[in-house]
Amino acid sequence: MKDSPRPTASPDDVLATYNRVAEAFARSRDRTLFERRWLDRTLGFAPGRKVLDLGCGTGLPIARYLEDRRCTITGVDGAPAMLKRFAANLPEARAVEADMRGLDLGERFDFILAWNSFFHLSADDQRAMFETFWAHARPRTVLLFTTGPEAGEAIGQVGGAPIYHASLAPHEYRGLLASHGFEEISFVPDDPACNGHSVWLARYVGEA
């Protein structure tokens, strides 16, 4: 992920931006399910089917795919317009309007997902999120999230609006995983089989 010397968006803008462009996002979101290989692999490691989807967006196509595979979904999103669509698309799922930063639902899950959401946080907020992952994990919980391939900041586009992205260096993510009781299963930067996404899969091996 290349540095952007003069960002035109900040991490503080992310939720408001997604709330504003929710309709455009819903129309343009790729639904070919290029993420399927990673989702299936993660389900193969998960001890159960209780899923926490952080930054769930509209729920399409990922949460719907997981629900079709007998998962019970809790979707969390801080953009009300996105969460409204999630609730309409997955009426049997639980929809929680909340910022993922500092989230504490007081329960633990089998599968924690932060796909194309975690990387909108600032570097410091990403570091702090590993406490949130830990707080919602039990032994053998799997964690699937996307980042950039290297440390840096970038400005992308969503619904025609600029949107902030950031990434830590891979070695720092590895340190954060290990210090919070997670073991790395796989990291594939710029995965060519997943539309160039940089994907992490880890498993919680600490104590409950």
N, C-alpha and C. Protein backbone atom coordinates (compact mmCIF):
# COMPACT_ATOMS: atom_id res chain seq x y z
N MET A 1 0.85 -1.19 0.00
CA MET A 1 0.00 0.00 0.00
C MET A 1 0.89 1.24 0.00
N LYS A 2 0.76 2.09 -1.03
CA LYS A 2 1.64 3.24 -1.16
C LYS A 2 1.21 4.37 -0.25
N ASP A 3 2.21 5.13 0.23
CA ASP A 3 1.91 6.29 1.06
C ASP A 3 1.21 7.36 0.22
N SER A 4 0.28 8.05 0.84
CA SER A 4 -0.39 9.19 0.21
C SER A 4 0.04 10.44 0.94
N PRO A 5 0.84 11.29 0.33
CA PRO A 5 1.41 12.42 1.07
C PRO A 5 0.37 13.44 1.51
N ARG A 6 -0.73 13.57 0.77
CA ARG A 6 -1.76 14.54 1.13
C ARG A 6 -3.12 13.86 1.07
N PRO A 7 -3.49 13.13 2.10
CA PRO A 7 -4.77 12.42 2.06
C PRO A 7 -5.93 13.38 1.86
N THR A 8 -6.90 12.96 1.06
CA THR A 8 -8.10 13.76 0.83
C THR A 8 -9.27 13.23 1.65
N ALA A 9 -9.00 12.21 2.48
CA ALA A 9 -10.00 11.65 3.38
C ALA A 9 -9.26 11.15 4.61
N SER A 10 -9.97 11.00 5.70
CA SER A 10 -9.34 10.55 6.94
C SER A 10 -10.14 9.40 7.53
N PRO A 11 -9.56 8.67 8.49
CA PRO A 11 -10.33 7.60 9.13
C PRO A 11 -11.58 8.10 9.84
N ASP A 12 -11.58 9.36 10.24
CA ASP A 12 -12.76 9.92 10.90
C ASP A 12 -13.93 10.13 9.93
N ASP A 13 -13.65 10.10 8.63
CA ASP A 13 -14.70 10.30 7.63
C ASP A 13 -15.39 9.01 7.21
N VAL A 14 -14.82 7.87 7.57
CA VAL A 14 -15.22 6.60 6.95
C VAL A 14 -16.70 6.29 7.15
N LEU A 15 -17.17 6.32 8.39
CA LEU A 15 -18.56 5.94 8.65
C LEU A 15 -19.54 6.90 7.97
N ALA A 16 -19.26 8.18 8.04
CA ALA A 16 -20.13 9.15 7.40
C ALA A 16 -20.15 8.96 5.88
N THR A 17 -18.99 8.62 5.32
CA THR A 17 -18.92 8.40 3.88
C THR A 17 -19.75 7.19 3.48
N TYR A 18 -19.59 6.07 4.19
CA TYR A 18 -20.39 4.88 3.86
C TYR A 18 -21.88 5.13 4.07
N ASN A 19 -22.21 5.90 5.07
CA ASN A 19 -23.63 6.21 5.30
C ASN A 19 -24.20 7.01 4.13
N ARG A 20 -23.38 7.91 3.60
CA ARG A 20 -23.84 8.78 2.51
C ARG A 20 -23.94 8.03 1.18
N VAL A 21 -23.04 7.07 0.95
CA VAL A 21 -22.99 6.41 -0.36
C VAL A 21 -23.55 4.98 -0.32
N ALA A 22 -24.32 4.68 0.71
CA ALA A 22 -24.79 3.30 0.89
C ALA A 22 -25.52 2.76 -0.33
N GLU A 23 -26.37 3.58 -0.94
CA GLU A 23 -27.13 3.12 -2.09
C GLU A 23 -26.21 2.81 -3.26
N ALA A 24 -25.26 3.71 -3.53
CA ALA A 24 -24.32 3.49 -4.62
C ALA A 24 -23.44 2.27 -4.35
N PHE A 25 -23.04 2.12 -3.10
CA PHE A 25 -22.23 0.96 -2.73
C PHE A 25 -23.00 -0.33 -2.98
N ALA A 26 -24.25 -0.36 -2.56
CA ALA A 26 -25.07 -1.56 -2.72
C ALA A 26 -25.23 -1.93 -4.20
N ARG A 27 -25.34 -0.93 -5.05
CA ARG A 27 -25.49 -1.19 -6.49
C ARG A 27 -24.20 -1.72 -7.11
N SER A 28 -23.07 -1.22 -6.64
CA SER A 28 -21.80 -1.52 -7.31
C SER A 28 -21.01 -2.66 -6.66
N ARG A 29 -21.40 -3.12 -5.48
CA ARG A 29 -20.63 -4.16 -4.79
C ARG A 29 -20.54 -5.42 -5.64
N ASP A 30 -19.32 -5.90 -5.84
CA ASP A 30 -19.08 -7.12 -6.59
C ASP A 30 -19.72 -8.31 -5.86
N ARG A 31 -20.62 -9.01 -6.54
CA ARG A 31 -21.30 -10.14 -5.92
C ARG A 31 -20.90 -11.48 -6.55
N THR A 32 -19.75 -11.50 -7.20
CA THR A 32 -19.29 -12.75 -7.80
C THR A 32 -18.76 -13.71 -6.74
N LEU A 33 -18.64 -13.26 -5.51
CA LEU A 33 -18.15 -14.05 -4.39
C LEU A 33 -16.74 -14.58 -4.65
N PHE A 34 -15.88 -13.66 -5.08
CA PHE A 34 -14.47 -14.01 -5.24
C PHE A 34 -13.83 -14.37 -3.90
N GLU A 35 -14.50 -14.02 -2.80
CA GLU A 35 -14.00 -14.31 -1.45
C GLU A 35 -14.27 -15.75 -1.02
N ARG A 36 -15.01 -16.49 -1.82
CA ARG A 36 -15.52 -17.79 -1.39
C ARG A 36 -14.43 -18.75 -0.90
N ARG A 37 -13.31 -18.82 -1.59
CA ARG A 37 -12.27 -19.76 -1.20
C ARG A 37 -11.79 -19.50 0.23
N TRP A 38 -11.63 -18.21 0.57
CA TRP A 38 -11.20 -17.87 1.92
C TRP A 38 -12.29 -18.16 2.94
N LEU A 39 -13.53 -17.87 2.59
CA LEU A 39 -14.64 -18.14 3.50
C LEU A 39 -14.77 -19.64 3.77
N ASP A 40 -14.69 -20.43 2.74
CA ASP A 40 -14.79 -21.88 2.91
C ASP A 40 -13.63 -22.42 3.74
N ARG A 41 -12.45 -21.91 3.48
CA ARG A 41 -11.29 -22.35 4.25
C ARG A 41 -11.46 -22.01 5.72
N THR A 42 -11.94 -20.80 5.99
CA THR A 42 -12.13 -20.37 7.37
C THR A 42 -13.18 -21.23 8.07
N LEU A 43 -14.28 -21.49 7.39
CA LEU A 43 -15.31 -22.36 7.98
C LEU A 43 -14.76 -23.74 8.31
N GLY A 44 -13.80 -24.21 7.51
CA GLY A 44 -13.19 -25.50 7.78
C GLY A 44 -12.41 -25.55 9.08
N PHE A 45 -11.90 -24.39 9.52
CA PHE A 45 -11.17 -24.31 10.78
C PHE A 45 -12.06 -23.94 11.97
N ALA A 46 -13.21 -23.31 11.70
CA ALA A 46 -14.05 -22.79 12.77
C ALA A 46 -14.64 -23.92 13.62
N PRO A 47 -14.70 -23.73 14.95
CA PRO A 47 -15.25 -24.77 15.82
C PRO A 47 -16.78 -24.81 15.82
N GLY A 48 -17.40 -23.80 15.23
CA GLY A 48 -18.85 -23.73 15.17
C GLY A 48 -19.27 -22.76 14.09
N ARG A 49 -20.49 -22.31 14.13
CA ARG A 49 -21.04 -21.46 13.06
C ARG A 49 -21.55 -20.12 13.58
N LYS A 50 -21.08 -19.68 14.72
CA LYS A 50 -21.48 -18.38 15.27
C LYS A 50 -20.49 -17.32 14.77
N VAL A 51 -20.98 -16.39 13.94
CA VAL A 51 -20.12 -15.45 13.22
C VAL A 51 -20.34 -14.02 13.70
N LEU A 52 -19.24 -13.32 13.91
CA LEU A 52 -19.25 -11.88 14.18
C LEU A 52 -18.66 -11.19 12.96
N ASP A 53 -19.49 -10.42 12.26
CA ASP A 53 -19.09 -9.74 11.03
C ASP A 53 -18.91 -8.26 11.34
N LEU A 54 -17.67 -7.83 11.44
CA LEU A 54 -17.34 -6.46 11.83
C LEU A 54 -17.22 -5.59 10.58
N GLY A 55 -18.05 -4.56 10.50
CA GLY A 55 -18.12 -3.78 9.28
C GLY A 55 -18.88 -4.57 8.23
N CYS A 56 -20.06 -5.03 8.60
CA CYS A 56 -20.82 -5.99 7.79
C CYS A 56 -21.37 -5.40 6.51
N GLY A 57 -21.48 -4.06 6.44
CA GLY A 57 -22.03 -3.45 5.24
C GLY A 57 -23.45 -3.91 4.98
N THR A 58 -23.76 -4.20 3.72
CA THR A 58 -25.11 -4.59 3.34
C THR A 58 -25.38 -6.08 3.57
N GLY A 59 -24.33 -6.83 3.88
CA GLY A 59 -24.49 -8.27 4.07
C GLY A 59 -24.39 -9.09 2.80
N LEU A 60 -24.29 -8.42 1.66
CA LEU A 60 -24.19 -9.10 0.38
C LEU A 60 -22.83 -8.85 -0.26
N PRO A 61 -22.16 -9.90 -0.69
CA PRO A 61 -22.63 -11.29 -0.70
C PRO A 61 -22.14 -12.14 0.48
N ILE A 62 -21.24 -11.61 1.30
CA ILE A 62 -20.53 -12.48 2.24
C ILE A 62 -21.43 -13.03 3.33
N ALA A 63 -22.11 -12.17 4.07
CA ALA A 63 -22.93 -12.66 5.19
C ALA A 63 -24.04 -13.58 4.69
N ARG A 64 -24.62 -13.26 3.54
CA ARG A 64 -25.65 -14.13 2.98
C ARG A 64 -25.07 -15.52 2.67
N TYR A 65 -23.88 -15.55 2.11
CA TYR A 65 -23.23 -16.83 1.81
C TYR A 65 -23.01 -17.63 3.09
N LEU A 66 -22.54 -16.96 4.14
CA LEU A 66 -22.31 -17.65 5.41
C LEU A 66 -23.62 -18.13 6.02
N GLU A 67 -24.65 -17.31 5.94
CA GLU A 67 -25.95 -17.72 6.47
C GLU A 67 -26.47 -18.95 5.71
N ASP A 68 -26.25 -19.00 4.42
CA ASP A 68 -26.67 -20.16 3.63
C ASP A 68 -25.92 -21.42 4.03
N ARG A 69 -24.79 -21.24 4.71
CA ARG A 69 -24.02 -22.38 5.20
C ARG A 69 -24.23 -22.60 6.70
N ARG A 70 -25.41 -22.28 7.14
CA ARG A 70 -25.90 -22.57 8.49
C ARG A 70 -25.19 -21.76 9.57
N CYS A 71 -24.66 -20.62 9.20
CA CYS A 71 -24.05 -19.75 10.20
C CYS A 71 -25.11 -18.83 10.81
N THR A 72 -24.91 -18.51 12.09
CA THR A 72 -25.71 -17.51 12.78
C THR A 72 -24.90 -16.23 12.79
N ILE A 73 -25.43 -15.18 12.21
CA ILE A 73 -24.65 -13.97 11.95
C ILE A 73 -25.02 -12.84 12.90
N THR A 74 -24.01 -12.21 13.47
CA THR A 74 -24.15 -10.91 14.13
C THR A 74 -23.38 -9.91 13.29
N GLY A 75 -24.10 -8.98 12.67
CA GLY A 75 -23.46 -7.96 11.85
C GLY A 75 -23.34 -6.65 12.61
N VAL A 76 -22.16 -6.08 12.57
CA VAL A 76 -21.89 -4.81 13.26
C VAL A 76 -21.44 -3.78 12.23
N ASP A 77 -22.08 -2.64 12.24
CA ASP A 77 -21.67 -1.54 11.35
C ASP A 77 -22.05 -0.22 11.99
N GLY A 78 -21.20 0.76 11.84
CA GLY A 78 -21.44 2.07 12.42
C GLY A 78 -22.12 3.04 11.47
N ALA A 79 -22.43 2.60 10.25
CA ALA A 79 -23.13 3.44 9.27
C ALA A 79 -24.58 2.98 9.21
N PRO A 80 -25.52 3.75 9.74
CA PRO A 80 -26.92 3.30 9.81
C PRO A 80 -27.51 2.89 8.47
N ALA A 81 -27.17 3.60 7.40
CA ALA A 81 -27.75 3.28 6.10
C ALA A 81 -27.26 1.93 5.59
N MET A 82 -26.02 1.58 5.92
CA MET A 82 -25.51 0.26 5.55
C MET A 82 -26.20 -0.82 6.37
N LEU A 83 -26.32 -0.57 7.67
CA LEU A 83 -26.91 -1.57 8.55
C LEU A 83 -28.39 -1.80 8.22
N LYS A 84 -29.08 -0.76 7.79
CA LYS A 84 -30.49 -0.91 7.39
C LYS A 84 -30.59 -1.89 6.24
N ARG A 85 -29.68 -1.82 5.29
CA ARG A 85 -29.68 -2.76 4.17
C ARG A 85 -29.29 -4.16 4.62
N PHE A 86 -28.36 -4.25 5.55
CA PHE A 86 -27.98 -5.56 6.09
C PHE A 86 -29.21 -6.22 6.72
N ALA A 87 -29.95 -5.48 7.53
CA ALA A 87 -31.12 -6.04 8.21
C ALA A 87 -32.19 -6.48 7.21
N ALA A 88 -32.34 -5.73 6.12
CA ALA A 88 -33.33 -6.09 5.10
C ALA A 88 -32.89 -7.33 4.32
N ASN A 89 -31.59 -7.42 4.06
CA ASN A 89 -31.06 -8.54 3.28
C ASN A 89 -30.98 -9.83 4.09
N LEU A 90 -30.76 -9.71 5.40
CA LEU A 90 -30.63 -10.88 6.26
C LEU A 90 -31.54 -10.69 7.48
N PRO A 91 -32.84 -10.83 7.30
CA PRO A 91 -33.79 -10.53 8.39
C PRO A 91 -33.63 -11.44 9.61
N GLU A 92 -33.02 -12.60 9.46
CA GLU A 92 -32.85 -13.49 10.60
C GLU A 92 -31.54 -13.25 11.34
N ALA A 93 -30.68 -12.42 10.81
CA ALA A 93 -29.41 -12.09 11.46
C ALA A 93 -29.63 -11.01 12.51
N ARG A 94 -28.69 -10.90 13.44
CA ARG A 94 -28.71 -9.80 14.40
C ARG A 94 -27.91 -8.63 13.83
N ALA A 95 -28.49 -7.46 13.84
CA ALA A 95 -27.84 -6.26 13.32
C ALA A 95 -27.55 -5.30 14.48
N VAL A 96 -26.29 -4.93 14.65
CA VAL A 96 -25.87 -4.07 15.76
C VAL A 96 -25.24 -2.82 15.19
N GLU A 97 -25.86 -1.68 15.48
CA GLU A 97 -25.30 -0.41 15.04
C GLU A 97 -24.25 0.03 16.05
N ALA A 98 -22.99 -0.05 15.67
CA ALA A 98 -21.89 0.30 16.58
C ALA A 98 -20.61 0.45 15.78
N ASP A 99 -19.74 1.28 16.29
CA ASP A 99 -18.38 1.39 15.79
C ASP A 99 -17.61 0.16 16.28
N MET A 100 -16.88 -0.49 15.41
CA MET A 100 -16.13 -1.68 15.83
C MET A 100 -15.04 -1.34 16.84
N ARG A 101 -14.58 -0.10 16.84
CA ARG A 101 -13.53 0.30 17.78
C ARG A 101 -14.08 0.30 19.21
N GLY A 102 -13.46 -0.49 20.06
CA GLY A 102 -13.89 -0.58 21.45
C GLY A 102 -15.13 -1.43 21.66
N LEU A 103 -15.55 -2.14 20.65
CA LEU A 103 -16.76 -2.96 20.76
C LEU A 103 -16.59 -4.04 21.83
N ASP A 104 -17.63 -4.25 22.62
CA ASP A 104 -17.63 -5.33 23.61
C ASP A 104 -19.07 -5.84 23.74
N LEU A 105 -19.35 -6.92 23.04
CA LEU A 105 -20.70 -7.48 23.06
C LEU A 105 -20.91 -8.42 24.23
N GLY A 106 -19.85 -8.72 24.98
CA GLY A 106 -19.98 -9.59 26.14
C GLY A 106 -20.23 -11.04 25.78
N GLU A 107 -19.82 -11.44 24.58
CA GLU A 107 -19.97 -12.84 24.17
C GLU A 107 -18.85 -13.20 23.20
N ARG A 108 -18.72 -14.50 22.96
CA ARG A 108 -17.62 -14.99 22.13
C ARG A 108 -18.18 -15.73 20.92
N PHE A 109 -17.38 -15.76 19.87
CA PHE A 109 -17.83 -16.25 18.58
C PHE A 109 -16.87 -17.32 18.06
N ASP A 110 -17.34 -18.06 17.07
CA ASP A 110 -16.52 -19.09 16.42
C ASP A 110 -15.70 -18.54 15.27
N PHE A 111 -16.20 -17.47 14.68
CA PHE A 111 -15.62 -16.92 13.45
C PHE A 111 -15.77 -15.41 13.55
N ILE A 112 -14.65 -14.69 13.54
CA ILE A 112 -14.65 -13.23 13.55
C ILE A 112 -14.16 -12.76 12.19
N LEU A 113 -14.94 -11.92 11.54
CA LEU A 113 -14.67 -11.47 10.18
C LEU A 113 -14.57 -9.96 10.15
N ALA A 114 -13.52 -9.45 9.51
CA ALA A 114 -13.38 -8.01 9.28
C ALA A 114 -12.86 -7.83 7.85
N TRP A 115 -13.76 -8.06 6.91
CA TRP A 115 -13.39 -8.06 5.49
C TRP A 115 -13.62 -6.69 4.88
N ASN A 116 -12.54 -6.09 4.39
CA ASN A 116 -12.61 -4.76 3.77
C ASN A 116 -13.26 -3.73 4.70
N SER A 117 -12.98 -3.84 5.98
CA SER A 117 -13.51 -2.89 6.96
C SER A 117 -12.41 -2.44 7.92
N PHE A 118 -11.74 -3.39 8.50
CA PHE A 118 -10.63 -3.13 9.43
C PHE A 118 -9.59 -2.19 8.83
N PHE A 119 -9.35 -2.31 7.52
CA PHE A 119 -8.29 -1.51 6.90
C PHE A 119 -8.68 -0.05 6.67
N HIS A 120 -9.90 0.33 7.06
CA HIS A 120 -10.27 1.74 7.04
C HIS A 120 -9.88 2.46 8.33
N LEU A 121 -9.43 1.73 9.33
CA LEU A 121 -9.05 2.33 10.61
C LEU A 121 -7.63 2.89 10.54
N SER A 122 -7.37 3.86 11.40
CA SER A 122 -6.00 4.37 11.51
C SER A 122 -5.08 3.28 12.05
N ALA A 123 -3.80 3.48 11.91
CA ALA A 123 -2.83 2.49 12.39
C ALA A 123 -3.01 2.22 13.88
N ASP A 124 -3.17 3.27 14.68
CA ASP A 124 -3.34 3.07 16.12
C ASP A 124 -4.64 2.35 16.44
N ASP A 125 -5.71 2.67 15.72
CA ASP A 125 -6.98 1.99 15.96
C ASP A 125 -6.92 0.52 15.53
N GLN A 126 -6.15 0.24 14.50
CA GLN A 126 -5.97 -1.16 14.11
C GLN A 126 -5.23 -1.92 15.21
N ARG A 127 -4.23 -1.32 15.77
CA ARG A 127 -3.51 -1.99 16.87
C ARG A 127 -4.47 -2.28 18.03
N ALA A 128 -5.31 -1.31 18.35
CA ALA A 128 -6.24 -1.48 19.48
C ALA A 128 -7.31 -2.53 19.18
N MET A 129 -7.60 -2.77 17.90
CA MET A 129 -8.64 -3.73 17.55
C MET A 129 -8.31 -5.16 17.96
N PHE A 130 -7.03 -5.44 18.16
CA PHE A 130 -6.70 -6.81 18.54
C PHE A 130 -7.21 -7.15 19.94
N GLU A 131 -7.43 -6.15 20.77
CA GLU A 131 -8.11 -6.36 22.05
C GLU A 131 -9.57 -6.74 21.81
N THR A 132 -10.19 -6.10 20.82
CA THR A 132 -11.58 -6.41 20.48
C THR A 132 -11.69 -7.82 19.92
N PHE A 133 -10.78 -8.19 19.03
CA PHE A 133 -10.77 -9.57 18.53
C PHE A 133 -10.66 -10.55 19.69
N TRP A 134 -9.70 -10.30 20.57
CA TRP A 134 -9.46 -11.18 21.73
C TRP A 134 -10.70 -11.29 22.61
N ALA A 135 -11.37 -10.15 22.84
CA ALA A 135 -12.52 -10.13 23.74
C ALA A 135 -13.69 -10.95 23.22
N HIS A 136 -13.72 -11.22 21.92
CA HIS A 136 -14.83 -11.96 21.32
C HIS A 136 -14.43 -13.36 20.86
N ALA A 137 -13.24 -13.79 21.27
CA ALA A 137 -12.73 -15.10 20.84
C ALA A 137 -12.75 -16.11 21.98
N ARG A 138 -12.90 -17.37 21.61
CA ARG A 138 -12.73 -18.49 22.53
C ARG A 138 -11.74 -19.46 21.88
N PRO A 139 -11.31 -20.48 22.58
CA PRO A 139 -10.34 -21.39 21.97
C PRO A 139 -10.80 -21.91 20.61
N ARG A 140 -9.93 -21.76 19.62
CA ARG A 140 -10.10 -22.20 18.24
C ARG A 140 -10.98 -21.27 17.40
N THR A 141 -11.40 -20.13 17.96
CA THR A 141 -12.05 -19.12 17.13
C THR A 141 -11.14 -18.74 15.98
N VAL A 142 -11.71 -18.59 14.79
CA VAL A 142 -10.92 -18.17 13.64
C VAL A 142 -11.18 -16.69 13.34
N LEU A 143 -10.15 -16.03 12.86
CA LEU A 143 -10.18 -14.61 12.55
C LEU A 143 -9.75 -14.43 11.10
N LEU A 144 -10.60 -13.78 10.31
CA LEU A 144 -10.32 -13.52 8.90
C LEU A 144 -10.43 -12.03 8.66
N PHE A 145 -9.36 -11.41 8.17
CA PHE A 145 -9.41 -9.97 7.92
C PHE A 145 -8.50 -9.60 6.76
N THR A 146 -8.76 -8.43 6.17
CA THR A 146 -7.96 -7.94 5.05
C THR A 146 -7.21 -6.68 5.46
N THR A 147 -6.03 -6.53 4.87
CA THR A 147 -5.18 -5.37 5.13
C THR A 147 -4.57 -4.94 3.79
N GLY A 148 -3.55 -4.10 3.86
CA GLY A 148 -2.72 -3.87 2.70
C GLY A 148 -1.54 -4.84 2.73
N PRO A 149 -0.77 -4.91 1.67
CA PRO A 149 0.36 -5.83 1.64
C PRO A 149 1.57 -5.35 2.42
N GLU A 150 1.59 -4.05 2.75
CA GLU A 150 2.71 -3.46 3.47
C GLU A 150 2.22 -2.23 4.22
N ALA A 151 3.09 -1.66 5.03
CA ALA A 151 2.70 -0.49 5.83
C ALA A 151 2.49 0.73 4.94
N GLY A 152 1.46 1.51 5.26
CA GLY A 152 1.23 2.75 4.53
C GLY A 152 -0.22 3.19 4.58
N GLU A 153 -0.50 4.30 3.93
CA GLU A 153 -1.84 4.85 3.83
C GLU A 153 -2.17 5.02 2.35
N ALA A 154 -3.45 4.95 2.04
CA ALA A 154 -3.90 5.18 0.66
C ALA A 154 -5.31 5.72 0.69
N ILE A 155 -5.66 6.41 -0.37
CA ILE A 155 -7.02 6.91 -0.53
C ILE A 155 -7.64 6.20 -1.73
N GLY A 156 -8.74 5.48 -1.46
CA GLY A 156 -9.45 4.80 -2.53
C GLY A 156 -10.75 5.50 -2.85
N GLN A 157 -11.66 4.77 -3.47
CA GLN A 157 -12.96 5.32 -3.84
C GLN A 157 -14.05 4.35 -3.42
N VAL A 158 -15.16 4.88 -2.93
CA VAL A 158 -16.35 4.07 -2.67
C VAL A 158 -17.56 4.92 -3.03
N GLY A 159 -18.38 4.41 -3.92
CA GLY A 159 -19.56 5.16 -4.33
C GLY A 159 -19.23 6.53 -4.88
N GLY A 160 -18.06 6.67 -5.50
CA GLY A 160 -17.64 7.94 -6.07
C GLY A 160 -17.02 8.90 -5.08
N ALA A 161 -16.90 8.49 -3.82
CA ALA A 161 -16.33 9.35 -2.78
C ALA A 161 -14.97 8.82 -2.34
N PRO A 162 -14.05 9.70 -1.94
CA PRO A 162 -12.76 9.24 -1.44
C PRO A 162 -12.92 8.54 -0.10
N ILE A 163 -12.11 7.52 0.12
CA ILE A 163 -12.19 6.73 1.36
C ILE A 163 -10.78 6.36 1.80
N TYR A 164 -10.55 6.44 3.08
CA TYR A 164 -9.23 6.21 3.67
C TYR A 164 -8.96 4.72 3.89
N HIS A 165 -7.71 4.33 3.65
CA HIS A 165 -7.22 2.99 3.96
C HIS A 165 -5.87 3.11 4.64
N ALA A 166 -5.57 2.15 5.50
CA ALA A 166 -4.24 2.10 6.12
C ALA A 166 -3.85 0.65 6.37
N SER A 167 -2.57 0.44 6.48
CA SER A 167 -2.07 -0.90 6.80
C SER A 167 -0.82 -0.78 7.64
N LEU A 168 -0.65 -1.74 8.54
CA LEU A 168 0.61 -1.92 9.25
C LEU A 168 1.48 -2.85 8.41
N ALA A 169 2.72 -3.01 8.81
CA ALA A 169 3.60 -3.96 8.15
C ALA A 169 3.22 -5.38 8.58
N PRO A 170 3.40 -6.36 7.71
CA PRO A 170 3.05 -7.74 8.08
C PRO A 170 3.68 -8.21 9.38
N HIS A 171 4.93 -7.82 9.64
CA HIS A 171 5.57 -8.29 10.87
C HIS A 171 4.87 -7.72 12.10
N GLU A 172 4.27 -6.53 11.97
CA GLU A 172 3.57 -5.96 13.13
C GLU A 172 2.25 -6.69 13.36
N TYR A 173 1.53 -7.00 12.29
CA TYR A 173 0.32 -7.81 12.46
C TYR A 173 0.65 -9.15 13.11
N ARG A 174 1.73 -9.75 12.69
CA ARG A 174 2.11 -11.04 13.29
C ARG A 174 2.37 -10.89 14.79
N GLY A 175 3.04 -9.81 15.17
CA GLY A 175 3.30 -9.58 16.58
C GLY A 175 2.02 -9.34 17.37
N LEU A 176 1.09 -8.60 16.79
CA LEU A 176 -0.18 -8.33 17.47
C LEU A 176 -1.01 -9.60 17.60
N LEU A 177 -1.04 -10.41 16.56
CA LEU A 177 -1.74 -11.69 16.65
C LEU A 177 -1.16 -12.54 17.78
N ALA A 178 0.14 -12.69 17.77
CA ALA A 178 0.79 -13.56 18.76
C ALA A 178 0.58 -13.05 20.18
N SER A 179 0.67 -11.75 20.37
CA SER A 179 0.55 -11.20 21.72
C SER A 179 -0.87 -11.26 22.26
N HIS A 180 -1.83 -11.53 21.38
CA HIS A 180 -3.23 -11.66 21.81
C HIS A 180 -3.73 -13.10 21.72
N GLY A 181 -2.82 -14.03 21.58
CA GLY A 181 -3.18 -15.44 21.64
C GLY A 181 -3.62 -16.07 20.34
N PHE A 182 -3.36 -15.40 19.21
CA PHE A 182 -3.73 -15.95 17.91
C PHE A 182 -2.50 -16.51 17.20
N GLU A 183 -2.66 -17.63 16.53
CA GLU A 183 -1.61 -18.16 15.68
C GLU A 183 -1.98 -17.92 14.23
N GLU A 184 -1.02 -17.50 13.43
CA GLU A 184 -1.25 -17.28 12.01
C GLU A 184 -1.42 -18.63 11.30
N ILE A 185 -2.46 -18.73 10.52
CA ILE A 185 -2.65 -19.88 9.64
C ILE A 185 -2.14 -19.55 8.24
N SER A 186 -2.49 -18.34 7.77
CA SER A 186 -2.08 -17.97 6.42
C SER A 186 -2.13 -16.46 6.26
N PHE A 187 -1.20 -15.95 5.44
CA PHE A 187 -1.25 -14.57 4.97
C PHE A 187 -0.84 -14.58 3.51
N VAL A 188 -1.72 -14.06 2.66
CA VAL A 188 -1.43 -13.98 1.23
C VAL A 188 -1.57 -12.53 0.80
N PRO A 189 -0.46 -11.83 0.57
CA PRO A 189 -0.55 -10.44 0.11
C PRO A 189 -0.93 -10.39 -1.37
N ASP A 190 -1.81 -9.46 -1.69
CA ASP A 190 -2.23 -9.26 -3.08
C ASP A 190 -2.64 -10.57 -3.74
N ASP A 191 -3.45 -11.33 -3.06
CA ASP A 191 -3.83 -12.67 -3.52
C ASP A 191 -4.45 -12.60 -4.92
N PRO A 192 -3.80 -13.18 -5.92
CA PRO A 192 -4.35 -13.10 -7.28
C PRO A 192 -5.64 -13.88 -7.45
N ALA A 193 -5.89 -14.83 -6.55
CA ALA A 193 -7.13 -15.61 -6.63
C ALA A 193 -8.27 -14.94 -5.87
N CYS A 194 -8.00 -13.75 -5.30
CA CYS A 194 -9.03 -13.03 -4.52
C CYS A 194 -9.04 -11.55 -4.90
N ASN A 195 -9.00 -11.29 -6.21
CA ASN A 195 -9.04 -9.91 -6.72
C ASN A 195 -7.99 -9.00 -6.09
N GLY A 196 -6.83 -9.58 -5.77
CA GLY A 196 -5.72 -8.78 -5.26
C GLY A 196 -5.83 -8.38 -3.81
N HIS A 197 -6.74 -8.96 -3.06
CA HIS A 197 -6.85 -8.64 -1.64
C HIS A 197 -5.70 -9.28 -0.86
N SER A 198 -5.28 -8.60 0.18
CA SER A 198 -4.27 -9.14 1.09
C SER A 198 -5.01 -9.69 2.31
N VAL A 199 -4.92 -10.99 2.51
CA VAL A 199 -5.82 -11.69 3.42
C VAL A 199 -5.06 -12.41 4.52
N TRP A 200 -5.55 -12.26 5.74
CA TRP A 200 -5.01 -12.94 6.93
C TRP A 200 -6.04 -13.92 7.47
N LEU A 201 -5.56 -15.09 7.83
CA LEU A 201 -6.38 -16.08 8.53
C LEU A 201 -5.60 -16.55 9.75
N ALA A 202 -6.23 -16.47 10.92
CA ALA A 202 -5.57 -16.83 12.17
C ALA A 202 -6.56 -17.57 13.05
N ARG A 203 -6.02 -18.21 14.09
CA ARG A 203 -6.85 -18.99 15.01
C ARG A 203 -6.43 -18.65 16.44
N TYR A 204 -7.44 -18.50 17.31
CA TYR A 204 -7.15 -18.21 18.70
C TYR A 204 -6.76 -19.48 19.44
N VAL A 205 -5.58 -19.45 20.07
CA VAL A 205 -5.07 -20.62 20.77
C VAL A 205 -4.83 -20.33 22.25
N GLY A 206 -5.27 -19.12 22.68
CA GLY A 206 -5.13 -18.75 24.07
C GLY A 206 -6.24 -19.36 24.91
N GLU A 207 -6.33 -18.92 26.13
CA GLU A 207 -7.34 -19.43 27.05
C GLU A 207 -8.60 -18.59 26.96
N ALA A 208 -9.71 -19.16 27.35
CA ALA A 208 -10.98 -18.43 27.35
C ALA A 208 -10.98 -17.35 28.41
